[in-house]
């Protein structure tokens, strides 16, 4: 059975987040509910939510279906078109002329949350490959709940449910509550130090 391709680059993840956010804004602008959008695109509401969240799991076909319903699939056509130069002459392009520029907001809290999101996406990918690793997070969480601040108990209680049920979507969502959960997370302790450094360096380079 062929393996699945994983997107782990912070730049690629940021592009998907931006695409998902744009699709959601366009759906709302056109006055379509998630039920209407999912029906028109032939997708489940869960898949539509994943697309609008910019998650890497949905296929490119799912993204294309949503773009087609919204009438913006021509934007993708710009990427696949490769017109021949006039009279068969090759036009010399300046270095970096077709380079896509990806950046994140310089607002400190937005940058930190994006960084945290990428770290958690990588941690979830790691756990899916090696499910037994989740016990380390559970053990860490139990120590925190026994000795930590009472102000974090509600978040840790929710993390207990996430870890035991493998409800990763709750921690990776683009909501205020998910941001709070990521700030009190026992999940990223699973990341190898070199992986953590790589992600931090990628996010810092996006800021630069």
C-alpha atoms as a PDB file:
ATOM      1  CA  UNK A   1       0.000   0.000   0.000  1.00  0.00           C
ATOM      2  CA  UNK A   2       1.583   3.326  -1.017  1.00  0.00           C
ATOM      3  CA  UNK A   3       2.554   5.716   1.717  1.00  0.00           C
ATOM      4  CA  UNK A   4       0.999   9.131   2.064  1.00  0.00           C
ATOM      5  CA  UNK A   5       2.900  12.342   1.483  1.00  0.00           C
ATOM      6  CA  UNK A   6       3.250  14.544   4.539  1.00  0.00           C
ATOM      7  CA  UNK A   7       3.519  18.334   4.434  1.00  0.00           C
ATOM      8  CA  UNK A   8       5.870  19.441   7.188  1.00  0.00           C
ATOM      9  CA  UNK A   9       7.359  22.672   5.817  1.00  0.00           C
ATOM     10  CA  UNK A  10       6.181  25.733   7.716  1.00  0.00           C
ATOM     11  CA  UNK A  11       5.986  27.690   4.452  1.00  0.00           C
ATOM     12  CA  UNK A  12       3.774  25.058   2.818  1.00  0.00           C
ATOM     13  CA  UNK A  13       1.528  24.887   5.858  1.00  0.00           C
ATOM     14  CA  UNK A  14       1.209  28.659   5.874  1.00  0.00           C
ATOM     15  CA  UNK A  15       0.189  28.628   2.208  1.00  0.00           C
ATOM     16  CA  UNK A  16      -2.543  26.091   2.949  1.00  0.00           C
ATOM     17  CA  UNK A  17      -3.751  28.104   5.936  1.00  0.00           C
ATOM     18  CA  UNK A  18      -3.994  31.176   3.739  1.00  0.00           C
ATOM     19  CA  UNK A  19      -5.834  29.277   1.008  1.00  0.00           C
ATOM     20  CA  UNK A  20      -8.320  27.785   3.467  1.00  0.00           C
ATOM     21  CA  UNK A  21      -8.972  31.182   5.030  1.00  0.00           C
ATOM     22  CA  UNK A  22      -9.591  32.730   1.618  1.00  0.00           C
ATOM     23  CA  UNK A  23     -12.032  29.988   0.643  1.00  0.00           C
ATOM     24  CA  UNK A  24     -13.970  30.458   3.868  1.00  0.00           C
ATOM     25  CA  UNK A  25     -14.105  34.246   3.390  1.00  0.00           C
ATOM     26  CA  UNK A  26     -15.354  33.799  -0.172  1.00  0.00           C
ATOM     27  CA  UNK A  27     -18.032  31.323   0.919  1.00  0.00           C
ATOM     28  CA  UNK A  28     -19.266  33.749   3.565  1.00  0.00           C
ATOM     29  CA  UNK A  29     -19.161  36.632   1.082  1.00  0.00           C
ATOM     30  CA  UNK A  30     -21.404  34.648  -1.261  1.00  0.00           C
ATOM     31  CA  UNK A  31     -23.801  33.865   1.568  1.00  0.00           C
ATOM     32  CA  UNK A  32     -23.354  30.085   1.465  1.00  0.00           C
ATOM     33  CA  UNK A  33     -23.730  27.967   4.585  1.00  0.00           C
ATOM     34  CA  UNK A  34     -21.422  25.010   5.220  1.00  0.00           C
ATOM     35  CA  UNK A  35     -24.313  22.658   4.406  1.00  0.00           C
ATOM     36  CA  UNK A  36     -24.946  24.366   1.062  1.00  0.00           C
ATOM     37  CA  UNK A  37     -21.246  24.535   0.227  1.00  0.00           C
ATOM     38  CA  UNK A  38     -20.612  20.884   1.077  1.00  0.00           C
ATOM     39  CA  UNK A  39     -23.610  19.784  -0.997  1.00  0.00           C
ATOM     40  CA  UNK A  40     -22.614  21.866  -4.034  1.00  0.00           C
ATOM     41  CA  UNK A  41     -19.015  20.644  -3.855  1.00  0.00           C
ATOM     42  CA  UNK A  42     -19.950  17.024  -3.226  1.00  0.00           C
ATOM     43  CA  UNK A  43     -17.986  16.884   0.008  1.00  0.00           C
ATOM     44  CA  UNK A  44     -18.801  15.960   3.570  1.00  0.00           C
ATOM     45  CA  UNK A  45     -19.045  18.842   6.030  1.00  0.00           C
ATOM     46  CA  UNK A  46     -16.032  17.423   7.857  1.00  0.00           C
ATOM     47  CA  UNK A  47     -13.929  17.558   4.684  1.00  0.00           C
ATOM     48  CA  UNK A  48     -15.152  21.086   3.985  1.00  0.00           C
ATOM     49  CA  UNK A  49     -14.134  22.141   7.495  1.00  0.00           C
ATOM     50  CA  UNK A  50     -10.690  20.655   6.890  1.00  0.00           C
ATOM     51  CA  UNK A  51     -10.376  22.536   3.589  1.00  0.00           C
ATOM     52  CA  UNK A  52     -11.386  25.849   5.144  1.00  0.00           C
ATOM     53  CA  UNK A  53      -8.960  25.222   8.002  1.00  0.00           C
ATOM     54  CA  UNK A  54      -6.156  24.800   5.465  1.00  0.00           C
ATOM     55  CA  UNK A  55      -5.327  21.300   6.637  1.00  0.00           C
ATOM     56  CA  UNK A  56      -2.990  19.174   4.498  1.00  0.00           C
ATOM     57  CA  UNK A  57      -5.108  16.034   4.791  1.00  0.00           C
ATOM     58  CA  UNK A  58      -7.795  16.819   2.128  1.00  0.00           C
ATOM     59  CA  UNK A  59      -6.821  15.987  -1.445  1.00  0.00           C
ATOM     60  CA  UNK A  60      -6.117  18.719  -3.963  1.00  0.00           C
ATOM     61  CA  UNK A  61      -9.329  17.563  -5.652  1.00  0.00           C
ATOM     62  CA  UNK A  62     -11.295  18.632  -2.573  1.00  0.00           C
ATOM     63  CA  UNK A  63      -9.737  22.087  -2.679  1.00  0.00           C
ATOM     64  CA  UNK A  64     -10.488  22.298  -6.420  1.00  0.00           C
ATOM     65  CA  UNK A  65     -14.144  21.385  -5.914  1.00  0.00           C
ATOM     66  CA  UNK A  66     -14.588  24.202  -3.428  1.00  0.00           C
ATOM     67  CA  UNK A  67     -12.762  26.666  -5.691  1.00  0.00           C
ATOM     68  CA  UNK A  68     -14.923  25.670  -8.647  1.00  0.00           C
ATOM     69  CA  UNK A  69     -18.177  26.171  -6.727  1.00  0.00           C
ATOM     70  CA  UNK A  70     -16.948  29.585  -5.569  1.00  0.00           C
ATOM     71  CA  UNK A  71     -15.955  30.531  -9.097  1.00  0.00           C
ATOM     72  CA  UNK A  72     -12.282  31.120  -8.327  1.00  0.00           C
ATOM     73  CA  UNK A  73     -10.719  28.034  -9.919  1.00  0.00           C
ATOM     74  CA  UNK A  74      -9.270  30.344 -12.593  1.00  0.00           C
ATOM     75  CA  UNK A  75      -6.768  31.464  -9.957  1.00  0.00           C
ATOM     76  CA  UNK A  76      -5.268  27.986  -9.981  1.00  0.00           C
ATOM     77  CA  UNK A  77      -5.234  28.008 -13.772  1.00  0.00           C
ATOM     78  CA  UNK A  78      -2.630  30.781 -13.588  1.00  0.00           C
ATOM     79  CA  UNK A  79      -0.273  28.342 -11.883  1.00  0.00           C
ATOM     80  CA  UNK A  80      -0.606  25.570 -14.450  1.00  0.00           C
ATOM     81  CA  UNK A  81      -0.514  27.741 -17.580  1.00  0.00           C
ATOM     82  CA  UNK A  82       2.853  27.961 -19.322  1.00  0.00           C
ATOM     83  CA  UNK A  83       2.452  30.094 -22.442  1.00  0.00           C
ATOM     84  CA  UNK A  84       5.137  29.876 -25.107  1.00  0.00           C
ATOM     85  CA  UNK A  85       7.082  33.117 -25.709  1.00  0.00           C
ATOM     86  CA  UNK A  86       6.164  34.965 -28.916  1.00  0.00           C
ATOM     87  CA  UNK A  87       7.753  33.588 -32.127  1.00  0.00           C
ATOM     88  CA  UNK A  88       9.230  30.690 -30.199  1.00  0.00           C
ATOM     89  CA  UNK A  89      11.851  32.835 -28.513  1.00  0.00           C
ATOM     90  CA  UNK A  90      12.601  32.104 -24.912  1.00  0.00           C
ATOM     91  CA  UNK A  91      12.238  35.104 -22.686  1.00  0.00           C
ATOM     92  CA  UNK A  92      14.975  35.430 -20.121  1.00  0.00           C
ATOM     93  CA  UNK A  93      13.564  35.953 -16.669  1.00  0.00           C
ATOM     94  CA  UNK A  94      15.209  37.756 -13.845  1.00  0.00           C
ATOM     95  CA  UNK A  95      16.414  35.505 -11.016  1.00  0.00           C
ATOM     96  CA  UNK A  96      13.596  34.865  -8.575  1.00  0.00           C
ATOM     97  CA  UNK A  97      10.977  36.375 -10.920  1.00  0.00           C
ATOM     98  CA  UNK A  98       8.554  33.515 -10.319  1.00  0.00           C
ATOM     99  CA  UNK A  99       9.369  32.997  -6.673  1.00  0.00           C
ATOM    100  CA  UNK A 100       6.356  32.983  -4.392  1.00  0.00           C
ATOM    101  CA  UNK A 101       6.697  35.133  -1.312  1.00  0.00           C
ATOM    102  CA  UNK A 102       5.200  33.760   1.901  1.00  0.00           C
ATOM    103  CA  UNK A 103       5.135  35.728   5.096  1.00  0.00           C
ATOM    104  CA  UNK A 104       3.444  35.750   8.452  1.00  0.00           C
ATOM    105  CA  UNK A 105       2.171  38.658  10.465  1.00  0.00           C
ATOM    106  CA  UNK A 106       4.770  40.413  12.577  1.00  0.00           C
ATOM    107  CA  UNK A 107       2.297  40.672  15.414  1.00  0.00           C
ATOM    108  CA  UNK A 108       3.994  38.679  18.131  1.00  0.00           C
ATOM    109  CA  UNK A 109       0.927  36.730  19.282  1.00  0.00           C
ATOM    110  CA  UNK A 110       0.001  35.709  15.713  1.00  0.00           C
ATOM    111  CA  UNK A 111       3.519  34.531  14.966  1.00  0.00           C
ATOM    112  CA  UNK A 112       3.678  32.571  18.202  1.00  0.00           C
ATOM    113  CA  UNK A 113       0.349  30.883  17.544  1.00  0.00           C
ATOM    114  CA  UNK A 114       1.360  29.928  13.997  1.00  0.00           C
ATOM    115  CA  UNK A 115       4.595  28.505  15.381  1.00  0.00           C
ATOM    116  CA  UNK A 116       2.656  26.582  18.024  1.00  0.00           C
ATOM    117  CA  UNK A 117       0.237  25.277  15.406  1.00  0.00           C
ATOM    118  CA  UNK A 118       3.058  23.961  13.213  1.00  0.00           C
ATOM    119  CA  UNK A 119       4.705  22.292  16.216  1.00  0.00           C
ATOM    120  CA  UNK A 120       1.424  20.603  17.141  1.00  0.00           C
ATOM    121  CA  UNK A 121       0.760  19.458  13.575  1.00  0.00           C
ATOM    122  CA  UNK A 122       4.187  17.822  13.545  1.00  0.00           C
ATOM    123  CA  UNK A 123       3.569  16.228  16.956  1.00  0.00           C
ATOM    124  CA  UNK A 124       0.231  14.810  15.786  1.00  0.00           C
ATOM    125  CA  UNK A 125       1.893  13.425  12.657  1.00  0.00           C
ATOM    126  CA  UNK A 126       4.497  11.749  14.870  1.00  0.00           C
ATOM    127  CA  UNK A 127       1.845  10.220  17.144  1.00  0.00           C
ATOM    128  CA  UNK A 128      -0.107   8.863  14.185  1.00  0.00           C
ATOM    129  CA  UNK A 129       3.055   7.110  13.023  1.00  0.00           C
ATOM    130  CA  UNK A 130       3.847   5.768  16.491  1.00  0.00           C
ATOM    131  CA  UNK A 131       0.633   5.714  18.608  1.00  0.00           C
ATOM    132  CA  UNK A 132       2.416   4.374  21.686  1.00  0.00           C
ATOM    133  CA  UNK A 133       4.153   7.760  22.073  1.00  0.00           C
ATOM    134  CA  UNK A 134       0.947   9.349  23.315  1.00  0.00           C
ATOM    135  CA  UNK A 135       1.444   7.699  26.712  1.00  0.00           C
ATOM    136  CA  UNK A 136       4.414  10.011  27.336  1.00  0.00           C
ATOM    137  CA  UNK A 137       2.136  13.007  26.932  1.00  0.00           C
ATOM    138  CA  UNK A 138      -0.472  11.437  29.203  1.00  0.00           C
ATOM    139  CA  UNK A 139       2.133  10.784  31.918  1.00  0.00           C
ATOM    140  CA  UNK A 140       3.380  14.382  31.651  1.00  0.00           C
ATOM    141  CA  UNK A 141      -0.169  15.702  31.810  1.00  0.00           C
ATOM    142  CA  UNK A 142      -0.919  13.655  34.933  1.00  0.00           C
ATOM    143  CA  UNK A 143       2.143  15.144  36.675  1.00  0.00           C
ATOM    144  CA  UNK A 144       1.044  18.658  35.749  1.00  0.00           C
ATOM    145  CA  UNK A 145      -2.493  18.045  37.006  1.00  0.00           C
ATOM    146  CA  UNK A 146      -1.156  16.762  40.324  1.00  0.00           C
ATOM    147  CA  UNK A 147       1.259  19.617  41.028  1.00  0.00           C
ATOM    148  CA  UNK A 148       0.455  22.468  38.636  1.00  0.00           C
ATOM    149  CA  UNK A 149      -1.507  25.692  38.825  1.00  0.00           C
ATOM    150  CA  UNK A 150      -5.259  25.382  39.478  1.00  0.00           C
ATOM    151  CA  UNK A 151      -5.820  28.008  36.765  1.00  0.00           C
ATOM    152  CA  UNK A 152      -4.789  25.470  34.090  1.00  0.00           C
ATOM    153  CA  UNK A 153      -6.830  22.528  35.397  1.00  0.00           C
ATOM    154  CA  UNK A 154      -9.743  23.100  32.997  1.00  0.00           C
ATOM    155  CA  UNK A 155      -7.406  23.108  29.989  1.00  0.00           C
ATOM    156  CA  UNK A 156      -5.589  20.011  31.227  1.00  0.00           C
ATOM    157  CA  UNK A 157      -8.902  18.248  31.773  1.00  0.00           C
ATOM    158  CA  UNK A 158      -9.707  18.940  28.144  1.00  0.00           C
ATOM    159  CA  UNK A 159      -6.273  17.721  27.093  1.00  0.00           C
ATOM    160  CA  UNK A 160      -6.902  14.470  28.944  1.00  0.00           C
ATOM    161  CA  UNK A 161      -9.960  13.885  26.763  1.00  0.00           C
ATOM    162  CA  UNK A 162      -8.037  14.837  23.611  1.00  0.00           C
ATOM    163  CA  UNK A 163      -5.174  12.442  24.340  1.00  0.00           C
ATOM    164  CA  UNK A 164      -7.340   9.493  25.347  1.00  0.00           C
ATOM    165  CA  UNK A 165      -9.764   9.921  22.445  1.00  0.00           C
ATOM    166  CA  UNK A 166      -7.074  10.966  19.934  1.00  0.00           C
ATOM    167  CA  UNK A 167      -9.293  13.993  19.183  1.00  0.00           C
ATOM    168  CA  UNK A 168      -6.487  15.929  17.495  1.00  0.00           C
ATOM    169  CA  UNK A 169      -8.815  18.223  15.567  1.00  0.00           C
ATOM    170  CA  UNK A 170      -9.741  20.011  18.807  1.00  0.00           C
ATOM    171  CA  UNK A 171      -6.114  20.998  19.355  1.00  0.00           C
ATOM    172  CA  UNK A 172      -5.408  21.965  15.744  1.00  0.00           C
ATOM    173  CA  UNK A 173      -8.482  24.112  15.159  1.00  0.00           C
ATOM    174  CA  UNK A 174      -8.333  27.826  14.339  1.00  0.00           C
ATOM    175  CA  UNK A 175     -10.331  28.960  17.347  1.00  0.00           C
ATOM    176  CA  UNK A 176      -9.589  30.899  20.485  1.00  0.00           C
ATOM    177  CA  UNK A 177     -10.117  27.805  22.602  1.00  0.00           C
ATOM    178  CA  UNK A 178      -7.673  25.788  20.493  1.00  0.00           C
ATOM    179  CA  UNK A 179      -5.074  28.527  20.934  1.00  0.00           C
ATOM    180  CA  UNK A 180      -5.529  28.309  24.700  1.00  0.00           C
ATOM    181  CA  UNK A 181      -5.167  24.539  24.551  1.00  0.00           C
ATOM    182  CA  UNK A 182      -1.933  24.798  22.587  1.00  0.00           C
ATOM    183  CA  UNK A 183      -0.537  27.141  25.233  1.00  0.00           C
ATOM    184  CA  UNK A 184      -1.123  24.485  27.915  1.00  0.00           C
ATOM    185  CA  UNK A 185      -0.120  21.503  25.797  1.00  0.00           C
ATOM    186  CA  UNK A 186       1.704  18.331  26.876  1.00  0.00           C
ATOM    187  CA  UNK A 187       1.885  17.138  23.264  1.00  0.00           C
ATOM    188  CA  UNK A 188       4.927  18.944  21.884  1.00  0.00           C
ATOM    189  CA  UNK A 189       7.226  17.302  24.438  1.00  0.00           C
ATOM    190  CA  UNK A 190       7.236  14.372  21.997  1.00  0.00           C
ATOM    191  CA  UNK A 191       9.113  16.312  19.338  1.00  0.00           C
ATOM    192  CA  UNK A 192      12.819  15.549  18.920  1.00  0.00           C
ATOM    193  CA  UNK A 193      14.958  18.608  19.620  1.00  0.00           C
ATOM    194  CA  UNK A 194      16.269  18.781  16.051  1.00  0.00           C
ATOM    195  CA  UNK A 195      12.697  18.786  14.715  1.00  0.00           C
ATOM    196  CA  UNK A 196      11.758  21.574  17.093  1.00  0.00           C
ATOM    197  CA  UNK A 197      14.793  23.633  16.052  1.00  0.00           C
ATOM    198  CA  UNK A 198      13.998  23.103  12.359  1.00  0.00           C
ATOM    199  CA  UNK A 199      10.431  24.350  12.756  1.00  0.00           C
ATOM    200  CA  UNK A 200      11.473  27.348  14.831  1.00  0.00           C
ATOM    201  CA  UNK A 201      14.090  28.257  12.205  1.00  0.00           C
ATOM    202  CA  UNK A 202      11.539  27.929   9.369  1.00  0.00           C
ATOM    203  CA  UNK A 203       9.023  30.159  11.128  1.00  0.00           C
ATOM    204  CA  UNK A 204      11.725  32.711  11.926  1.00  0.00           C
ATOM    205  CA  UNK A 205      12.812  32.756   8.261  1.00  0.00           C
ATOM    206  CA  UNK A 206       9.200  33.421   7.216  1.00  0.00           C
ATOM    207  CA  UNK A 207       9.114  36.397   9.559  1.00  0.00           C
ATOM    208  CA  UNK A 208      12.390  37.665   8.145  1.00  0.00           C
END
